[in-house]
Structures are given as structure tokens and as C-alpha cells.
PDB file of N, CA and C in Angstrom:
ATOM      1  N   MET A   1      43.218 -87.297   3.756  1.00  0.00           N
ATOM      2  CA  MET A   1      42.330 -87.929   2.792  1.00  0.00           C
ATOM      3  C   MET A   1      41.286 -86.917   2.341  1.00  0.00           C
ATOM      4  N   LYS A   2      40.920 -86.957   1.076  1.00  0.00           N
ATOM      5  CA  LYS A   2      39.959 -86.022   0.519  1.00  0.00           C
ATOM      6  C   LYS A   2      38.551 -86.357   1.003  1.00  0.00           C
ATOM      7  N   GLU A   3      37.762 -85.320   1.238  1.00  0.00           N
ATOM      8  CA  GLU A   3      36.390 -85.493   1.673  1.00  0.00           C
ATOM      9  C   GLU A   3      35.446 -85.646   0.490  1.00  0.00           C
ATOM     10  N   SER A   4      35.886 -85.285  -0.704  1.00  0.00           N
ATOM     11  CA  SER A   4      35.036 -85.291  -1.881  1.00  0.00           C
ATOM     12  C   SER A   4      35.828 -85.803  -3.075  1.00  0.00           C
ATOM     13  N   ALA A   5      35.121 -86.325  -4.075  1.00  0.00           N
ATOM     14  CA  ALA A   5      35.777 -86.787  -5.289  1.00  0.00           C
ATOM     15  C   ALA A   5      35.901 -85.662  -6.302  1.00  0.00           C
ATOM     16  N   LYS A   6      35.483 -84.448  -5.929  1.00  0.00           N
ATOM     17  CA  LYS A   6      35.529 -83.322  -6.856  1.00  0.00           C
ATOM     18  C   LYS A   6      36.445 -82.229  -6.321  1.00  0.00           C
ATOM     19  N   ILE A   7      37.025 -81.483  -7.258  1.00  0.00           N
ATOM     20  CA  ILE A   7      37.828 -80.313  -6.903  1.00  0.00           C
ATOM     21  C   ILE A   7      37.436 -79.158  -7.811  1.00  0.00           C
ATOM     22  N   ALA A   8      37.731 -77.959  -7.364  1.00  0.00           N
ATOM     23  CA  ALA A   8      37.413 -76.771  -8.158  1.00  0.00           C
ATOM     24  C   ALA A   8      38.371 -76.653  -9.337  1.00  0.00           C
ATOM     25  N   HIS A   9      37.841 -76.165 -10.445  1.00  0.00           N
ATOM     26  CA  HIS A   9      38.638 -75.869 -11.634  1.00  0.00           C
ATOM     27  C   HIS A   9      38.259 -74.452 -12.067  1.00  0.00           C
ATOM     28  N   ILE A  10      39.245 -73.620 -12.320  1.00  0.00           N
ATOM     29  CA  ILE A  10      38.993 -72.229 -12.682  1.00  0.00           C
ATOM     30  C   ILE A  10      39.357 -72.004 -14.144  1.00  0.00           C
ATOM     31  N   ALA A  11      38.400 -71.512 -14.915  1.00  0.00           N
ATOM     32  CA  ALA A  11      38.594 -71.271 -16.347  1.00  0.00           C
ATOM     33  C   ALA A  11      39.389 -69.995 -16.595  1.00  0.00           C
ATOM     34  N   LYS A  12      39.782 -69.789 -17.830  1.00  0.00           N
ATOM     35  CA  LYS A  12      40.603 -68.639 -18.210  1.00  0.00           C
ATOM     36  C   LYS A  12      39.901 -67.298 -18.024  1.00  0.00           C
ATOM     37  N   GLY A  13      38.597 -67.278 -17.894  1.00  0.00           N
ATOM     38  CA  GLY A  13      37.863 -66.029 -17.749  1.00  0.00           C
ATOM     39  C   GLY A  13      37.955 -65.415 -16.359  1.00  0.00           C
ATOM     40  N   CYS A  14      38.737 -65.999 -15.474  1.00  0.00           N
ATOM     41  CA  CYS A  14      38.891 -65.486 -14.111  1.00  0.00           C
ATOM     42  C   CYS A  14      39.434 -64.058 -14.146  1.00  0.00           C
ATOM     43  N   VAL A  15      38.822 -63.187 -13.325  1.00  0.00           N
ATOM     44  CA  VAL A  15      39.240 -61.783 -13.274  1.00  0.00           C
ATOM     45  C   VAL A  15      40.045 -61.460 -12.012  1.00  0.00           C
ATOM     46  N   ALA A  16      40.427 -62.472 -11.268  1.00  0.00           N
ATOM     47  CA  ALA A  16      41.259 -62.333 -10.065  1.00  0.00           C
ATOM     48  C   ALA A  16      40.664 -61.380  -9.032  1.00  0.00           C
ATOM     49  N   CYS A  17      39.357 -61.449  -8.845  1.00  0.00           N
ATOM     50  CA  CYS A  17      38.702 -60.552  -7.889  1.00  0.00           C
ATOM     51  C   CYS A  17      38.950 -60.966  -6.440  1.00  0.00           C
ATOM     52  N   GLY A  18      39.237 -62.260  -6.210  1.00  0.00           N
ATOM     53  CA  GLY A  18      39.527 -62.738  -4.866  1.00  0.00           C
ATOM     54  C   GLY A  18      38.328 -63.212  -4.073  1.00  0.00           C
ATOM     55  N   THR A  19      37.143 -63.157  -4.643  1.00  0.00           N
ATOM     56  CA  THR A  19      35.950 -63.599  -3.929  1.00  0.00           C
ATOM     57  C   THR A  19      36.063 -65.061  -3.513  1.00  0.00           C
ATOM     58  N   CYS A  20      36.553 -65.896  -4.395  1.00  0.00           N
ATOM     59  CA  CYS A  20      36.688 -67.324  -4.091  1.00  0.00           C
ATOM     60  C   CYS A  20      37.600 -67.558  -2.894  1.00  0.00           C
ATOM     61  N   ILE A  21      38.635 -66.762  -2.799  1.00  0.00           N
ATOM     62  CA  ILE A  21      39.591 -66.896  -1.696  1.00  0.00           C
ATOM     63  C   ILE A  21      38.920 -66.597  -0.361  1.00  0.00           C
ATOM     64  N   THR A  22      38.068 -65.592  -0.349  1.00  0.00           N
ATOM     65  CA  THR A  22      37.433 -65.199   0.905  1.00  0.00           C
ATOM     66  C   THR A  22      36.395 -66.198   1.384  1.00  0.00           C
ATOM     67  N   VAL A  23      35.794 -66.984   0.483  1.00  0.00           N
ATOM     68  CA  VAL A  23      34.762 -67.933   0.895  1.00  0.00           C
ATOM     69  C   VAL A  23      35.278 -69.357   1.073  1.00  0.00           C
ATOM     70  N   CYS A  24      36.492 -69.639   0.657  1.00  0.00           N
ATOM     71  CA  CYS A  24      37.036 -70.999   0.764  1.00  0.00           C
ATOM     72  C   CYS A  24      37.368 -71.340   2.215  1.00  0.00           C
ATOM     73  N   PRO A  25      36.730 -72.369   2.774  1.00  0.00           N
ATOM     74  CA  PRO A  25      36.982 -72.728   4.173  1.00  0.00           C
ATOM     75  C   PRO A  25      38.319 -73.436   4.393  1.00  0.00           C
ATOM     76  N   ARG A  26      38.987 -73.861   3.335  1.00  0.00           N
ATOM     77  CA  ARG A  26      40.235 -74.614   3.458  1.00  0.00           C
ATOM     78  C   ARG A  26      41.449 -73.865   2.921  1.00  0.00           C
ATOM     79  N   ALA A  27      41.291 -72.602   2.563  1.00  0.00           N
ATOM     80  CA  ALA A  27      42.389 -71.801   2.003  1.00  0.00           C
ATOM     81  C   ALA A  27      43.050 -72.527   0.827  1.00  0.00           C
ATOM     82  N   ALA A  28      42.215 -73.070  -0.057  1.00  0.00           N
ATOM     83  CA  ALA A  28      42.702 -73.856  -1.191  1.00  0.00           C
ATOM     84  C   ALA A  28      42.906 -73.032  -2.455  1.00  0.00           C
ATOM     85  N   LEU A  29      42.636 -71.732  -2.385  1.00  0.00           N
ATOM     86  CA  LEU A  29      42.757 -70.882  -3.562  1.00  0.00           C
ATOM     87  C   LEU A  29      43.720 -69.739  -3.308  1.00  0.00           C
ATOM     88  N   ARG A  30      44.348 -69.275  -4.387  1.00  0.00           N
ATOM     89  CA  ARG A  30      45.244 -68.122  -4.305  1.00  0.00           C
ATOM     90  C   ARG A  30      45.221 -67.412  -5.648  1.00  0.00           C
ATOM     91  N   ILE A  31      45.596 -66.147  -5.645  1.00  0.00           N
ATOM     92  CA  ILE A  31      45.697 -65.399  -6.899  1.00  0.00           C
ATOM     93  C   ILE A  31      47.126 -65.549  -7.409  1.00  0.00           C
ATOM     94  N   ASP A  32      47.269 -66.022  -8.636  1.00  0.00           N
ATOM     95  CA  ASP A  32      48.576 -66.259  -9.237  1.00  0.00           C
ATOM     96  C   ASP A  32      48.981 -65.064 -10.094  1.00  0.00           C
ATOM     97  N   LYS A  33      50.049 -64.404  -9.717  1.00  0.00           N
ATOM     98  CA  LYS A  33      50.620 -63.286 -10.470  1.00  0.00           C
ATOM     99  C   LYS A  33      49.619 -62.171 -10.748  1.00  0.00           C
ATOM    100  N   GLY A  34      48.609 -62.031  -9.890  1.00  0.00           N
ATOM    101  CA  GLY A  34      47.612 -60.986 -10.056  1.00  0.00           C
ATOM    102  C   GLY A  34      46.708 -61.173 -11.260  1.00  0.00           C
ATOM    103  N   ILE A  35      46.753 -62.355 -11.873  1.00  0.00           N
ATOM    104  CA  ILE A  35      46.033 -62.584 -13.123  1.00  0.00           C
ATOM    105  C   ILE A  35      44.784 -63.441 -12.947  1.00  0.00           C
ATOM    106  N   ARG A  36      44.916 -64.552 -12.223  1.00  0.00           N
ATOM    107  CA  ARG A  36      43.777 -65.454 -12.039  1.00  0.00           C
ATOM    108  C   ARG A  36      43.957 -66.292 -10.791  1.00  0.00           C
ATOM    109  N   ALA A  37      42.857 -66.825 -10.320  1.00  0.00           N
ATOM    110  CA  ALA A  37      42.884 -67.686  -9.143  1.00  0.00           C
ATOM    111  C   ALA A  37      43.392 -69.075  -9.532  1.00  0.00           C
ATOM    112  N   MET A  38      44.068 -69.703  -8.600  1.00  0.00           N
ATOM    113  CA  MET A  38      44.575 -71.061  -8.792  1.00  0.00           C
ATOM    114  C   MET A  38      44.107 -71.913  -7.622  1.00  0.00           C
ATOM    115  N   VAL A  39      43.918 -73.201  -7.868  1.00  0.00           N
ATOM    116  CA  VAL A  39      43.435 -74.132  -6.847  1.00  0.00           C
ATOM    117  C   VAL A  39      44.559 -75.049  -6.403  1.00  0.00           C
ATOM    118  N   ASP A  40      44.695 -75.224  -5.095  1.00  0.00           N
ATOM    119  CA  ASP A  40      45.606 -76.216  -4.537  1.00  0.00           C
ATOM    120  C   ASP A  40      44.789 -77.489  -4.363  1.00  0.00           C
ATOM    121  N   ALA A  41      44.984 -78.451  -5.247  1.00  0.00           N
ATOM    122  CA  ALA A  41      44.195 -79.682  -5.253  1.00  0.00           C
ATOM    123  C   ALA A  41      44.340 -80.484  -3.962  1.00  0.00           C
ATOM    124  N   GLU A  42      45.435 -80.322  -3.272  1.00  0.00           N
ATOM    125  CA  GLU A  42      45.641 -81.040  -2.008  1.00  0.00           C
ATOM    126  C   GLU A  42      44.744 -80.490  -0.897  1.00  0.00           C
ATOM    127  N   LYS A  43      44.379 -79.220  -0.994  1.00  0.00           N
ATOM    128  CA  LYS A  43      43.552 -78.590   0.040  1.00  0.00           C
ATOM    129  C   LYS A  43      42.065 -78.558  -0.313  1.00  0.00           C
ATOM    130  N   CYS A  44      41.752 -78.531  -1.601  1.00  0.00           N
ATOM    131  CA  CYS A  44      40.358 -78.406  -2.044  1.00  0.00           C
ATOM    132  C   CYS A  44      39.575 -79.667  -1.700  1.00  0.00           C
ATOM    133  N   VAL A  45      38.399 -79.480  -1.082  1.00  0.00           N
ATOM    134  CA  VAL A  45      37.542 -80.606  -0.730  1.00  0.00           C
ATOM    135  C   VAL A  45      36.264 -80.646  -1.564  1.00  0.00           C
ATOM    136  N   GLY A  46      36.155 -79.764  -2.549  1.00  0.00           N
ATOM    137  CA  GLY A  46      35.013 -79.784  -3.450  1.00  0.00           C
ATOM    138  C   GLY A  46      33.708 -79.333  -2.820  1.00  0.00           C
ATOM    139  N   CYS A  47      33.771 -78.406  -1.876  1.00  0.00           N
ATOM    140  CA  CYS A  47      32.551 -77.966  -1.186  1.00  0.00           C
ATOM    141  C   CYS A  47      31.651 -77.116  -2.073  1.00  0.00           C
ATOM    142  N   GLY A  48      32.217 -76.463  -3.098  1.00  0.00           N
ATOM    143  CA  GLY A  48      31.438 -75.678  -4.037  1.00  0.00           C
ATOM    144  C   GLY A  48      31.164 -74.240  -3.638  1.00  0.00           C
ATOM    145  N   LYS A  49      31.689 -73.788  -2.503  1.00  0.00           N
ATOM    146  CA  LYS A  49      31.450 -72.403  -2.085  1.00  0.00           C
ATOM    147  C   LYS A  49      32.031 -71.414  -3.082  1.00  0.00           C
ATOM    148  N   CYS A  50      33.177 -71.718  -3.642  1.00  0.00           N
ATOM    149  CA  CYS A  50      33.780 -70.826  -4.640  1.00  0.00           C
ATOM    150  C   CYS A  50      32.927 -70.773  -5.898  1.00  0.00           C
ATOM    151  N   VAL A  51      32.361 -71.906  -6.286  1.00  0.00           N
ATOM    152  CA  VAL A  51      31.507 -71.973  -7.475  1.00  0.00           C
ATOM    153  C   VAL A  51      30.287 -71.076  -7.292  1.00  0.00           C
ATOM    154  N   LYS A  52      29.650 -71.186  -6.140  1.00  0.00           N
ATOM    155  CA  LYS A  52      28.425 -70.421  -5.864  1.00  0.00           C
ATOM    156  C   LYS A  52      28.682 -68.927  -5.758  1.00  0.00           C
ATOM    157  N   ASN A  53      29.874 -68.526  -5.357  1.00  0.00           N
ATOM    158  CA  ASN A  53      30.156 -67.117  -5.098  1.00  0.00           C
ATOM    159  C   ASN A  53      30.967 -66.412  -6.177  1.00  0.00           C
ATOM    160  N   CYS A  54      31.413 -67.113  -7.199  1.00  0.00           N
ATOM    161  CA  CYS A  54      32.228 -66.497  -8.247  1.00  0.00           C
ATOM    162  C   CYS A  54      31.386 -65.542  -9.090  1.00  0.00           C
ATOM    163  N   PRO A  55      31.690 -64.235  -9.061  1.00  0.00           N
ATOM    164  CA  PRO A  55      30.897 -63.282  -9.835  1.00  0.00           C
ATOM    165  C   PRO A  55      31.084 -63.430 -11.352  1.00  0.00           C
ATOM    166  N   ALA A  56      32.180 -64.026 -11.775  1.00  0.00           N
ATOM    167  CA  ALA A  56      32.433 -64.233 -13.205  1.00  0.00           C
ATOM    168  C   ALA A  56      31.911 -65.589 -13.690  1.00  0.00           C
ATOM    169  N   ALA A  57      31.437 -66.424 -12.768  1.00  0.00           N
ATOM    170  CA  ALA A  57      30.899 -67.758 -13.085  1.00  0.00           C
ATOM    171  C   ALA A  57      31.881 -68.596 -13.902  1.00  0.00           C
ATOM    172  N   VAL A  58      33.147 -68.614 -13.489  1.00  0.00           N
ATOM    173  CA  VAL A  58      34.164 -69.369 -14.225  1.00  0.00           C
ATOM    174  C   VAL A  58      34.739 -70.540 -13.425  1.00  0.00           C
ATOM    175  N   ILE A  59      34.139 -70.857 -12.289  1.00  0.00           N
ATOM    176  CA  ILE A  59      34.619 -71.978 -11.485  1.00  0.00           C
ATOM    177  C   ILE A  59      33.608 -73.107 -11.556  1.00  0.00           C
ATOM    178  N   ILE A  60      34.106 -74.321 -11.799  1.00  0.00           N
ATOM    179  CA  ILE A  60      33.265 -75.513 -11.809  1.00  0.00           C
ATOM    180  C   ILE A  60      33.917 -76.578 -10.947  1.00  0.00           C
ATOM    181  N   LEU A  61      33.158 -77.558 -10.545  1.00  0.00           N
ATOM    182  CA  LEU A  61      33.712 -78.715  -9.848  1.00  0.00           C
ATOM    183  C   LEU A  61      33.930 -79.825 -10.845  1.00  0.00           C
ATOM    184  N   VAL A  62      35.093 -80.446 -10.803  1.00  0.00           N
ATOM    185  CA  VAL A  62      35.420 -81.548 -11.705  1.00  0.00           C
ATOM    186  C   VAL A  62      35.874 -82.745 -10.897  1.00  0.00           C
ATOM    187  N   LEU A  63      35.792 -83.917 -11.471  1.00  0.00           N
ATOM    188  CA  LEU A  63      36.276 -85.114 -10.797  1.00  0.00           C
ATOM    189  C   LEU A  63      37.773 -85.024 -10.589  1.00  0.00           C
ATOM    190  N   SER A  64      38.207 -85.358  -9.405  1.00  0.00           N
ATOM    191  CA  SER A  64      39.641 -85.358  -9.130  1.00  0.00           C
ATOM    192  C   SER A  64      40.247 -86.650  -9.659  1.00  0.00           C
ATOM    193  N   MET A  65      41.553 -86.642  -9.847  1.00  0.00           N
ATOM    194  CA  MET A  65      42.240 -87.846 -10.334  1.00  0.00           C
ATOM    195  C   MET A  65      42.137 -88.961  -9.316  1.00  0.00           C
ATOM    196  N   GLU A  66      42.004 -88.647  -8.034  1.00  0.00           N
ATOM    197  CA  GLU A  66      41.875 -89.663  -6.992  1.00  0.00           C
ATOM    198  C   GLU A  66      40.589 -90.446  -7.133  1.00  0.00           C
ATOM    199  N   ALA A  67      39.569 -89.852  -7.769  1.00  0.00           N
ATOM    200  CA  ALA A  67      38.274 -90.507  -7.907  1.00  0.00           C
ATOM    201  C   ALA A  67      38.288 -91.566  -8.999  1.00  0.00           C
ATOM    202  N   LEU A  68      39.285 -91.526  -9.881  1.00  0.00           N
ATOM    203  CA  LEU A  68      39.343 -92.466 -11.005  1.00  0.00           C
ATOM    204  C   LEU A  68      39.893 -93.809 -10.600  1.00  0.00           C
TER     205      LEU A  68
END
């Protein structure tokens, strides 16, 4: 069961630096094809650590479909 009604969303401006991956406590992020980070919605709990640490400021928390 999800701990939060929010999940991370990564915009197209992601530079695939990997910072979000290193701070995620649930291993919910990965770099896809060396281009940008992707979120595993099943693992993301919406803690916001990736949002706070993204040097490109392209990660936001959005309402998950489970919250609707």
C-alpha cells in the first residue's frame, strides 16, 4: 500500500545526472537509456527527496491515480 497520495514526475529537462537515484530511499528511480530518469510508481512513496536534490529542478510531486 502506498504511504502517500503523491508520486514523483520527471519533466523532459532531465539531464540524467543520477542524483535522484542516489537519494531515493525506495530505489524508485532509474536512468532510462542514458537520457532521463524514470519513476517506478509502484515503489515511489512521494517523500520528495528527489525533488529537493534535483540540480536541474525538473522533478515535481503529483497526485497519484490511486488518490483519485
